[in-house]
Amino acid sequence: MAKKSNSSDLFDTLRAAGLRKKVASSVSDALASGRRRADPPKAVKSVVADLKRVADEIEDRATGGPQKRKAAAKKAAATRKRNAAKRSQAAKKGARTRAAKR
């Protein structure tokens, strides 16, 4: 039996991990092409960036990220409202004091 090439081995690994056939093919072909480079081709970089972005989104949703942000935003809005009310009361008190001195 013929030995599998590195590109077909990578292709099979990517397919088993759930990547689409065209993406797995383009990544394995780009990495299997001849010489080794210091940095991978642009196509591979973009696929890796997309996969990282998706993994981050999955992790964020799994840990309740959107709900946490929503709660934090509500708390921040309440704090801003409270501080604005304090400023308003202080301004009104100052205005009353100035009016009484006249």
PDB file of N, CA and C in Angstrom:
ATOM      1  N   MET A   1       0.835  -1.181   0.000  1.00  0.00           N
ATOM      2  CA  MET A   1       0.000   0.000   0.000  1.00  0.00           C
ATOM      3  C   MET A   1       0.878   1.243   0.000  1.00  0.00           C
ATOM      4  N   ALA A   2       0.522   2.192  -0.808  1.00  0.00           N
ATOM      5  CA  ALA A   2       1.324   3.405  -0.928  1.00  0.00           C
ATOM      6  C   ALA A   2       1.189   4.257   0.323  1.00  0.00           C
ATOM      7  N   LYS A   3       2.291   4.912   0.654  1.00  0.00           N
ATOM      8  CA  LYS A   3       2.291   5.774   1.835  1.00  0.00           C
ATOM      9  C   LYS A   3       1.555   7.074   1.515  1.00  0.00           C
ATOM     10  N   LYS A   4       0.779   7.550   2.471  1.00  0.00           N
ATOM     11  CA  LYS A   4       0.060   8.799   2.267  1.00  0.00           C
ATOM     12  C   LYS A   4       1.018   9.974   2.296  1.00  0.00           C
ATOM     13  N   SER A   5       0.730  10.975   1.496  1.00  0.00           N
ATOM     14  CA  SER A   5       1.566  12.168   1.529  1.00  0.00           C
ATOM     15  C   SER A   5       1.153  13.023   2.724  1.00  0.00           C
ATOM     16  N   ASN A   6       2.010  13.964   3.072  1.00  0.00           N
ATOM     17  CA  ASN A   6       1.713  14.830   4.203  1.00  0.00           C
ATOM     18  C   ASN A   6       0.466  15.669   3.946  1.00  0.00           C
ATOM     19  N   SER A   7       0.285  16.078   2.681  1.00  0.00           N
ATOM     20  CA  SER A   7      -0.866  16.928   2.391  1.00  0.00           C
ATOM     21  C   SER A   7      -2.170  16.150   2.522  1.00  0.00           C
ATOM     22  N   SER A   8      -2.186  14.886   2.083  1.00  0.00           N
ATOM     23  CA  SER A   8      -3.426  14.115   2.206  1.00  0.00           C
ATOM     24  C   SER A   8      -3.687  13.752   3.663  1.00  0.00           C
ATOM     25  N   ASP A   9      -2.614  13.539   4.432  1.00  0.00           N
ATOM     26  CA  ASP A   9      -2.777  13.269   5.860  1.00  0.00           C
ATOM     27  C   ASP A   9      -3.372  14.494   6.564  1.00  0.00           C
ATOM     28  N   LEU A  10      -2.856  15.670   6.243  1.00  0.00           N
ATOM     29  CA  LEU A  10      -3.390  16.915   6.810  1.00  0.00           C
ATOM     30  C   LEU A  10      -4.825  17.126   6.353  1.00  0.00           C
ATOM     31  N   PHE A  11      -5.078  16.846   5.087  1.00  0.00           N
ATOM     32  CA  PHE A  11      -6.438  16.985   4.543  1.00  0.00           C
ATOM     33  C   PHE A  11      -7.411  16.100   5.327  1.00  0.00           C
ATOM     34  N   ASP A  12      -7.024  14.845   5.542  1.00  0.00           N
ATOM     35  CA  ASP A  12      -7.895  13.915   6.283  1.00  0.00           C
ATOM     36  C   ASP A  12      -8.114  14.387   7.716  1.00  0.00           C
ATOM     37  N   THR A  13      -7.070  14.919   8.335  1.00  0.00           N
ATOM     38  CA  THR A  13      -7.190  15.421   9.706  1.00  0.00           C
ATOM     39  C   THR A  13      -8.143  16.612   9.766  1.00  0.00           C
ATOM     40  N   LEU A  14      -7.998  17.533   8.822  1.00  0.00           N
ATOM     41  CA  LEU A  14      -8.865  18.713   8.793  1.00  0.00           C
ATOM     42  C   LEU A  14     -10.318  18.324   8.527  1.00  0.00           C
ATOM     43  N   ARG A  15     -10.519  17.375   7.618  1.00  0.00           N
ATOM     44  CA  ARG A  15     -11.882  16.920   7.318  1.00  0.00           C
ATOM     45  C   ARG A  15     -12.504  16.252   8.538  1.00  0.00           C
ATOM     46  N   ALA A  16     -11.705  15.448   9.245  1.00  0.00           N
ATOM     47  CA  ALA A  16     -12.212  14.770  10.429  1.00  0.00           C
ATOM     48  C   ALA A  16     -12.571  15.769  11.532  1.00  0.00           C
ATOM     49  N   ALA A  17     -11.879  16.913  11.530  1.00  0.00           N
ATOM     50  CA  ALA A  17     -12.151  17.940  12.535  1.00  0.00           C
ATOM     51  C   ALA A  17     -13.372  18.778  12.169  1.00  0.00           C
ATOM     52  N   GLY A  18     -13.918  18.568  10.961  1.00  0.00           N
ATOM     53  CA  GLY A  18     -15.156  19.249  10.601  1.00  0.00           C
ATOM     54  C   GLY A  18     -15.016  20.362   9.580  1.00  0.00           C
ATOM     55  N   LEU A  19     -13.831  20.541   9.028  1.00  0.00           N
ATOM     56  CA  LEU A  19     -13.670  21.583   8.010  1.00  0.00           C
ATOM     57  C   LEU A  19     -14.286  21.130   6.701  1.00  0.00           C
ATOM     58  N   ARG A  20     -14.753  22.098   5.937  1.00  0.00           N
ATOM     59  CA  ARG A  20     -15.304  21.776   4.622  1.00  0.00           C
ATOM     60  C   ARG A  20     -14.198  21.286   3.706  1.00  0.00           C
ATOM     61  N   LYS A  21     -14.612  20.507   2.716  1.00  0.00           N
ATOM     62  CA  LYS A  21     -13.656  19.856   1.827  1.00  0.00           C
ATOM     63  C   LYS A  21     -12.788  20.877   1.083  1.00  0.00           C
ATOM     64  N   LYS A  22     -13.412  21.947   0.591  1.00  0.00           N
ATOM     65  CA  LYS A  22     -12.654  22.932  -0.187  1.00  0.00           C
ATOM     66  C   LYS A  22     -11.631  23.659   0.679  1.00  0.00           C
ATOM     67  N   VAL A  23     -12.022  24.011   1.906  1.00  0.00           N
ATOM     68  CA  VAL A  23     -11.101  24.710   2.806  1.00  0.00           C
ATOM     69  C   VAL A  23      -9.958  23.781   3.201  1.00  0.00           C
ATOM     70  N   ALA A  24     -10.287  22.549   3.565  1.00  0.00           N
ATOM     71  CA  ALA A  24      -9.253  21.588   3.947  1.00  0.00           C
ATOM     72  C   ALA A  24      -8.288  21.343   2.794  1.00  0.00           C
ATOM     73  N   SER A  25      -8.829  21.258   1.594  1.00  0.00           N
ATOM     74  CA  SER A  25      -7.991  21.033   0.417  1.00  0.00           C
ATOM     75  C   SER A  25      -7.057  22.206   0.168  1.00  0.00           C
ATOM     76  N   SER A  26      -7.592  23.431   0.243  1.00  0.00           N
ATOM     77  CA  SER A  26      -6.751  24.602  -0.038  1.00  0.00           C
ATOM     78  C   SER A  26      -5.670  24.771   1.026  1.00  0.00           C
ATOM     79  N   VAL A  27      -6.000  24.482   2.282  1.00  0.00           N
ATOM     80  CA  VAL A  27      -5.000  24.602   3.348  1.00  0.00           C
ATOM     81  C   VAL A  27      -3.918  23.539   3.183  1.00  0.00           C
ATOM     82  N   SER A  28      -4.316  22.304   2.968  1.00  0.00           N
ATOM     83  CA  SER A  28      -3.312  21.246   2.842  1.00  0.00           C
ATOM     84  C   SER A  28      -2.448  21.447   1.599  1.00  0.00           C
ATOM     85  N   ASP A  29      -3.042  21.910   0.500  1.00  0.00           N
ATOM     86  CA  ASP A  29      -2.256  22.173  -0.712  1.00  0.00           C
ATOM     87  C   ASP A  29      -1.282  23.332  -0.500  1.00  0.00           C
ATOM     88  N   ALA A  30      -1.733  24.363   0.187  1.00  0.00           N
ATOM     89  CA  ALA A  30      -0.872  25.530   0.408  1.00  0.00           C
ATOM     90  C   ALA A  30       0.315  25.171   1.289  1.00  0.00           C
ATOM     91  N   LEU A  31       0.081  24.323   2.276  1.00  0.00           N
ATOM     92  CA  LEU A  31       1.172  23.955   3.178  1.00  0.00           C
ATOM     93  C   LEU A  31       2.076  22.879   2.597  1.00  0.00           C
ATOM     94  N   ALA A  32       1.584  22.105   1.652  1.00  0.00           N
ATOM     95  CA  ALA A  32       2.381  21.016   1.081  1.00  0.00           C
ATOM     96  C   ALA A  32       3.241  21.483  -0.085  1.00  0.00           C
ATOM     97  N   SER A  33       3.012  22.701  -0.531  1.00  0.00           N
ATOM     98  CA  SER A  33       3.725  23.151  -1.730  1.00  0.00           C
ATOM     99  C   SER A  33       5.205  23.373  -1.439  1.00  0.00           C
ATOM    100  N   GLY A  34       6.011  22.454  -1.921  1.00  0.00           N
ATOM    101  CA  GLY A  34       7.454  22.557  -1.950  1.00  0.00           C
ATOM    102  C   GLY A  34       8.177  23.008  -0.705  1.00  0.00           C
ATOM    103  N   ARG A  35       8.714  24.210  -0.772  1.00  0.00           N
ATOM    104  CA  ARG A  35       9.647  24.658   0.259  1.00  0.00           C
ATOM    105  C   ARG A  35       8.934  25.126   1.522  1.00  0.00           C
ATOM    106  N   ARG A  36       9.644  25.062   2.604  1.00  0.00           N
ATOM    107  CA  ARG A  36       9.129  25.552   3.888  1.00  0.00           C
ATOM    108  C   ARG A  36       9.416  27.044   3.981  1.00  0.00           C
ATOM    109  N   ARG A  37       8.458  27.767   4.504  1.00  0.00           N
ATOM    110  CA  ARG A  37       8.615  29.214   4.641  1.00  0.00           C
ATOM    111  C   ARG A  37       8.625  29.573   6.116  1.00  0.00           C
ATOM    112  N   ALA A  38       9.079  30.768   6.393  1.00  0.00           N
ATOM    113  CA  ALA A  38       9.070  31.240   7.776  1.00  0.00           C
ATOM    114  C   ALA A  38       7.637  31.488   8.225  1.00  0.00           C
ATOM    115  N   ASP A  39       6.811  32.019   7.324  1.00  0.00           N
ATOM    116  CA  ASP A  39       5.412  32.262   7.669  1.00  0.00           C
ATOM    117  C   ASP A  39       4.512  31.582   6.645  1.00  0.00           C
ATOM    118  N   PRO A  40       3.338  31.138   7.072  1.00  0.00           N
ATOM    119  CA  PRO A  40       2.445  30.419   6.157  1.00  0.00           C
ATOM    120  C   PRO A  40       1.820  31.351   5.116  1.00  0.00           C
ATOM    121  N   PRO A  41       1.302  30.789   4.037  1.00  0.00           N
ATOM    122  CA  PRO A  41       0.662  31.600   3.000  1.00  0.00           C
ATOM    123  C   PRO A  41      -0.558  32.344   3.537  1.00  0.00           C
ATOM    124  N   LYS A  42      -0.960  33.396   2.826  1.00  0.00           N
ATOM    125  CA  LYS A  42      -2.075  34.235   3.263  1.00  0.00           C
ATOM    126  C   LYS A  42      -3.371  33.446   3.407  1.00  0.00           C
ATOM    127  N   ALA A  43      -3.601  32.503   2.516  1.00  0.00           N
ATOM    128  CA  ALA A  43      -4.831  31.706   2.585  1.00  0.00           C
ATOM    129  C   ALA A  43      -4.895  30.928   3.889  1.00  0.00           C
ATOM    130  N   VAL A  44      -3.775  30.380   4.291  1.00  0.00           N
ATOM    131  CA  VAL A  44      -3.730  29.610   5.530  1.00  0.00           C
ATOM    132  C   VAL A  44      -3.911  30.532   6.725  1.00  0.00           C
ATOM    133  N   LYS A  45      -3.280  31.706   6.667  1.00  0.00           N
ATOM    134  CA  LYS A  45      -3.424  32.670   7.762  1.00  0.00           C
ATOM    135  C   LYS A  45      -4.881  33.070   7.946  1.00  0.00           C
ATOM    136  N   SER A  46      -5.579  33.291   6.839  1.00  0.00           N
ATOM    137  CA  SER A  46      -6.968  33.726   6.946  1.00  0.00           C
ATOM    138  C   SER A  46      -7.854  32.608   7.497  1.00  0.00           C
ATOM    139  N   VAL A  47      -7.601  31.359   7.093  1.00  0.00           N
ATOM    140  CA  VAL A  47      -8.384  30.233   7.611  1.00  0.00           C
ATOM    141  C   VAL A  47      -8.136  30.079   9.114  1.00  0.00           C
ATOM    142  N   VAL A  48      -6.890  30.200   9.524  1.00  0.00           N
ATOM    143  CA  VAL A  48      -6.555  30.076  10.940  1.00  0.00           C
ATOM    144  C   VAL A  48      -7.227  31.199  11.738  1.00  0.00           C
ATOM    145  N   ALA A  49      -7.205  32.411  11.211  1.00  0.00           N
ATOM    146  CA  ALA A  49      -7.840  33.538  11.896  1.00  0.00           C
ATOM    147  C   ALA A  49      -9.347  33.316  12.027  1.00  0.00           C
ATOM    148  N   ASP A  50      -9.977  32.812  10.949  1.00  0.00           N
ATOM    149  CA  ASP A  50     -11.420  32.528  10.997  1.00  0.00           C
ATOM    150  C   ASP A  50     -11.739  31.465  12.042  1.00  0.00           C
ATOM    151  N   LEU A  51     -10.935  30.406  12.070  1.00  0.00           N
ATOM    152  CA  LEU A  51     -11.179  29.337  13.037  1.00  0.00           C
ATOM    153  C   LEU A  51     -10.988  29.825  14.474  1.00  0.00           C
ATOM    154  N   LYS A  52      -9.985  30.681  14.694  1.00  0.00           N
ATOM    155  CA  LYS A  52      -9.779  31.232  16.028  1.00  0.00           C
ATOM    156  C   LYS A  52     -10.964  32.097  16.439  1.00  0.00           C
ATOM    157  N   ARG A  53     -11.455  32.891  15.497  1.00  0.00           N
ATOM    158  CA  ARG A  53     -12.597  33.772  15.770  1.00  0.00           C
ATOM    159  C   ARG A  53     -13.831  32.947  16.151  1.00  0.00           C
ATOM    160  N   VAL A  54     -14.058  31.867  15.410  1.00  0.00           N
ATOM    161  CA  VAL A  54     -15.200  30.992  15.702  1.00  0.00           C
ATOM    162  C   VAL A  54     -15.019  30.315  17.057  1.00  0.00           C
ATOM    163  N   ALA A  55     -13.810  29.847  17.341  1.00  0.00           N
ATOM    164  CA  ALA A  55     -13.553  29.193  18.631  1.00  0.00           C
ATOM    165  C   ALA A  55     -13.764  30.174  19.780  1.00  0.00           C
ATOM    166  N   ASP A  56     -13.323  31.416  19.611  1.00  0.00           N
ATOM    167  CA  ASP A  56     -13.530  32.428  20.648  1.00  0.00           C
ATOM    168  C   ASP A  56     -15.012  32.697  20.864  1.00  0.00           C
ATOM    169  N   GLU A  57     -15.770  32.752  19.778  1.00  0.00           N
ATOM    170  CA  GLU A  57     -17.222  32.986  19.874  1.00  0.00           C
ATOM    171  C   GLU A  57     -17.902  31.837  20.607  1.00  0.00           C
ATOM    172  N   ILE A  58     -17.509  30.610  20.300  1.00  0.00           N
ATOM    173  CA  ILE A  58     -18.086  29.441  20.972  1.00  0.00           C
ATOM    174  C   ILE A  58     -17.762  29.487  22.459  1.00  0.00           C
ATOM    175  N   GLU A  59     -16.519  29.771  22.782  1.00  0.00           N
ATOM    176  CA  GLU A  59     -16.114  29.837  24.189  1.00  0.00           C
ATOM    177  C   GLU A  59     -16.857  30.950  24.919  1.00  0.00           C
ATOM    178  N   ASP A  60     -17.015  32.088  24.264  1.00  0.00           N
ATOM    179  CA  ASP A  60     -17.720  33.224  24.864  1.00  0.00           C
ATOM    180  C   ASP A  60     -19.164  32.858  25.175  1.00  0.00           C
ATOM    181  N   ARG A  61     -19.824  32.228  24.223  1.00  0.00           N
ATOM    182  CA  ARG A  61     -21.224  31.846  24.427  1.00  0.00           C
ATOM    183  C   ARG A  61     -21.358  30.735  25.468  1.00  0.00           C
ATOM    184  N   ALA A  62     -20.380  29.846  25.519  1.00  0.00           N
ATOM    185  CA  ALA A  62     -20.431  28.749  26.483  1.00  0.00           C
ATOM    186  C   ALA A  62     -20.278  29.248  27.914  1.00  0.00           C
ATOM    187  N   THR A  63     -19.547  30.337  28.091  1.00  0.00           N
ATOM    188  CA  THR A  63     -19.325  30.879  29.433  1.00  0.00           C
ATOM    189  C   THR A  63     -20.301  31.995  29.772  1.00  0.00           C
ATOM    190  N   GLY A  64     -21.340  32.171  28.943  1.00  0.00           N
ATOM    191  CA  GLY A  64     -22.366  33.168  29.244  1.00  0.00           C
ATOM    192  C   GLY A  64     -21.943  34.587  28.959  1.00  0.00           C
ATOM    193  N   GLY A  65     -21.081  34.773  27.994  1.00  0.00           N
ATOM    194  CA  GLY A  65     -20.537  36.092  27.675  1.00  0.00           C
ATOM    195  C   GLY A  65     -21.569  37.162  27.383  1.00  0.00           C
ATOM    196  N   PRO A  66     -22.520  36.925  26.464  1.00  0.00           N
ATOM    197  CA  PRO A  66     -23.492  37.971  26.154  1.00  0.00           C
ATOM    198  C   PRO A  66     -24.326  38.400  27.366  1.00  0.00           C
ATOM    199  N   GLN A  67     -24.706  37.437  28.207  1.00  0.00           N
ATOM    200  CA  GLN A  67     -25.494  37.781  29.386  1.00  0.00           C
ATOM    201  C   GLN A  67     -24.657  38.590  30.373  1.00  0.00           C
ATOM    202  N   LYS A  68     -23.387  38.209  30.523  1.00  0.00           N
ATOM    203  CA  LYS A  68     -22.507  38.950  31.426  1.00  0.00           C
ATOM    204  C   LYS A  68     -22.346  40.385  30.954  1.00  0.00           C
ATOM    205  N   ARG A  69     -22.145  40.559  29.639  1.00  0.00           N
ATOM    206  CA  ARG A  69     -21.978  41.915  29.104  1.00  0.00           C
ATOM    207  C   ARG A  69     -23.244  42.726  29.291  1.00  0.00           C
ATOM    208  N   LYS A  70     -24.397  42.078  29.087  1.00  0.00           N
ATOM    209  CA  LYS A  70     -25.671  42.775  29.237  1.00  0.00           C
ATOM    210  C   LYS A  70     -25.852  43.238  30.683  1.00  0.00           C
ATOM    211  N   ALA A  71     -25.540  42.367  31.632  1.00  0.00           N
ATOM    212  CA  ALA A  71     -25.659  42.728  33.049  1.00  0.00           C
ATOM    213  C   ALA A  71     -24.694  43.853  33.406  1.00  0.00           C
ATOM    214  N   ALA A  72     -23.486  43.776  32.885  1.00  0.00           N
ATOM    215  CA  ALA A  72     -22.497  44.820  33.161  1.00  0.00           C
ATOM    216  C   ALA A  72     -22.933  46.156  32.568  1.00  0.00           C
ATOM    217  N   ALA A  73     -23.529  46.118  31.377  1.00  0.00           N
ATOM    218  CA  ALA A  73     -23.998  47.351  30.737  1.00  0.00           C
ATOM    219  C   ALA A  73     -25.145  47.972  31.537  1.00  0.00           C
ATOM    220  N   LYS A  74     -26.048  47.129  32.052  1.00  0.00           N
ATOM    221  CA  LYS A  74     -27.151  47.647  32.871  1.00  0.00           C
ATOM    222  C   LYS A  74     -26.622  48.292  34.145  1.00  0.00           C
ATOM    223  N   LYS A  75     -25.654  47.637  34.757  1.00  0.00           N
ATOM    224  CA  LYS A  75     -25.083  48.181  35.987  1.00  0.00           C
ATOM    225  C   LYS A  75     -24.387  49.510  35.705  1.00  0.00           C
ATOM    226  N   ALA A  76     -23.661  49.586  34.613  1.00  0.00           N
ATOM    227  CA  ALA A  76     -22.966  50.824  34.254  1.00  0.00           C
ATOM    228  C   ALA A  76     -23.968  51.948  33.977  1.00  0.00           C
ATOM    229  N   ALA A  77     -25.067  51.621  33.306  1.00  0.00           N
ATOM    230  CA  ALA A  77     -26.086  52.639  33.017  1.00  0.00           C
ATOM    231  C   ALA A  77     -26.721  53.139  34.312  1.00  0.00           C
ATOM    232  N   ALA A  78     -26.982  52.223  35.238  1.00  0.00           N
ATOM    233  CA  ALA A  78     -27.562  52.629  36.523  1.00  0.00           C
ATOM    234  C   ALA A  78     -26.600  53.522  37.295  1.00  0.00           C
ATOM    235  N   THR A  79     -25.322  53.197  37.247  1.00  0.00           N
ATOM    236  CA  THR A  79     -24.317  54.010  37.935  1.00  0.00           C
ATOM    237  C   THR A  79     -24.255  55.408  37.321  1.00  0.00           C
ATOM    238  N   ARG A  80     -24.267  55.484  35.994  1.00  0.00           N
ATOM    239  CA  ARG A  80     -24.236  56.802  35.335  1.00  0.00           C
ATOM    240  C   ARG A  80     -25.461  57.614  35.711  1.00  0.00           C
ATOM    241  N   LYS A  81     -26.623  56.964  35.743  1.00  0.00           N
ATOM    242  CA  LYS A  81     -27.871  57.648  36.099  1.00  0.00           C
ATOM    243  C   LYS A  81     -27.806  58.157  37.538  1.00  0.00           C
ATOM    244  N   ARG A  82     -27.302  57.328  38.439  1.00  0.00           N
ATOM    245  CA  ARG A  82     -27.182  57.717  39.846  1.00  0.00           C
ATOM    246  C   ARG A  82     -26.234  58.897  40.012  1.00  0.00           C
ATOM    247  N   ASN A  83     -25.108  58.846  39.329  1.00  0.00           N
ATOM    248  CA  ASN A  83     -24.130  59.940  39.419  1.00  0.00           C
ATOM    249  C   ASN A  83     -24.684  61.225  38.820  1.00  0.00           C
ATOM    250  N   ALA A  84     -25.455  61.109  37.737  1.00  0.00           N
ATOM    251  CA  ALA A  84     -26.067  62.298  37.136  1.00  0.00           C
ATOM    252  C   ALA A  84     -27.072  62.914  38.103  1.00  0.00           C
ATOM    253  N   ALA A  85     -27.834  62.073  38.808  1.00  0.00           N
ATOM    254  CA  ALA A  85     -28.803  62.582  39.794  1.00  0.00           C
ATOM    255  C   ALA A  85     -28.079  63.310  40.924  1.00  0.00           C
ATOM    256  N   LYS A  86     -26.941  62.759  41.368  1.00  0.00           N
ATOM    257  CA  LYS A  86     -26.150  63.425  42.416  1.00  0.00           C
ATOM    258  C   LYS A  86     -25.671  64.790  41.951  1.00  0.00           C
ATOM    259  N   ARG A  87     -25.146  64.836  40.703  1.00  0.00           N
ATOM    260  CA  ARG A  87     -24.667  66.118  40.165  1.00  0.00           C
ATOM    261  C   ARG A  87     -25.797  67.121  40.083  1.00  0.00           C
ATOM    262  N   SER A  88     -26.961  66.657  39.643  1.00  0.00           N
ATOM    263  CA  SER A  88     -28.115  67.523  39.507  1.00  0.00           C
ATOM    264  C   SER A  88     -28.539  68.081  40.865  1.00  0.00           C
ATOM    265  N   GLN A  89     -28.599  67.229  41.870  1.00  0.00           N
ATOM    266  CA  GLN A  89     -28.985  67.670  43.216  1.00  0.00           C
ATOM    267  C   GLN A  89     -27.980  68.682  43.755  1.00  0.00           C
ATOM    268  N   ALA A  90     -26.684  68.416  43.525  1.00  0.00           N
ATOM    269  CA  ALA A  90     -25.651  69.340  44.000  1.00  0.00           C
ATOM    270  C   ALA A  90     -25.774  70.689  43.300  1.00  0.00           C
ATOM    271  N   ALA A  91     -26.071  70.658  42.017  1.00  0.00           N
ATOM    272  CA  ALA A  91     -26.229  71.913  41.265  1.00  0.00           C
ATOM    273  C   ALA A  91     -27.441  72.692  41.770  1.00  0.00           C
ATOM    274  N   LYS A  92     -28.524  71.983  42.031  1.00  0.00           N
ATOM    275  CA  LYS A  92     -29.729  72.651  42.550  1.00  0.00           C
ATOM    276  C   LYS A  92     -29.466  73.259  43.923  1.00  0.00           C
ATOM    277  N   LYS A  93     -28.736  72.527  44.760  1.00  0.00           N
ATOM    278  CA  LYS A  93     -28.423  73.037  46.098  1.00  0.00           C
ATOM    279  C   LYS A  93     -27.552  74.286  45.999  1.00  0.00           C
ATOM    280  N   GLY A  94     -26.567  74.229  45.094  1.00  0.00           N
ATOM    281  CA  GLY A  94     -25.706  75.409  44.893  1.00  0.00           C
ATOM    282  C   GLY A  94     -26.493  76.601  44.391  1.00  0.00           C
ATOM    283  N   ALA A  95     -27.433  76.349  43.491  1.00  0.00           N
ATOM    284  CA  ALA A  95     -28.254  77.440  42.953  1.00  0.00           C
ATOM    285  C   ALA A  95     -29.121  78.043  44.058  1.00  0.00           C
ATOM    286  N   ARG A  96     -29.682  77.211  44.915  1.00  0.00           N
ATOM    287  CA  ARG A  96     -30.496  77.717  46.027  1.00  0.00           C
ATOM    288  C   ARG A  96     -29.649  78.551  46.979  1.00  0.00           C
ATOM    289  N   THR A  97     -28.422  78.081  47.249  1.00  0.00           N
ATOM    290  CA  THR A  97     -27.524  78.812  48.155  1.00  0.00           C
ATOM    291  C   THR A  97     -27.170  80.170  47.560  1.00  0.00           C
ATOM    292  N   ARG A  98     -26.850  80.179  46.272  1.00  0.00           N
ATOM    293  CA  ARG A  98     -26.499  81.447  45.618  1.00  0.00           C
ATOM    294  C   ARG A  98     -27.684  82.396  45.597  1.00  0.00           C
ATOM    295  N   ALA A  99     -28.891  81.847  45.368  1.00  0.00           N
ATOM    296  CA  ALA A  99     -30.103  82.692  45.318  1.00  0.00           C
ATOM    297  C   ALA A  99     -30.406  83.271  46.700  1.00  0.00           C
ATOM    298  N   ALA A 100     -30.141  82.508  47.754  1.00  0.00           N
ATOM    299  CA  ALA A 100     -30.431  82.975  49.109  1.00  0.00           C
ATOM    300  C   ALA A 100     -29.469  84.079  49.536  1.00  0.00           C
ATOM    301  N   LYS A 101     -28.252  84.067  49.039  1.00  0.00           N
ATOM    302  CA  LYS A 101     -27.244  85.067  49.390  1.00  0.00           C
ATOM    303  C   LYS A 101     -27.518  86.414  48.732  1.00  0.00           C
ATOM    304  N   ARG A 102     -28.345  86.474  47.724  1.00  0.00           N
ATOM    305  CA  ARG A 102     -28.594  87.720  47.006  1.00  0.00           C
ATOM    306  C   ARG A 102     -29.591  88.550  47.686  1.00  0.00           C
TER     307      ARG A 102
END
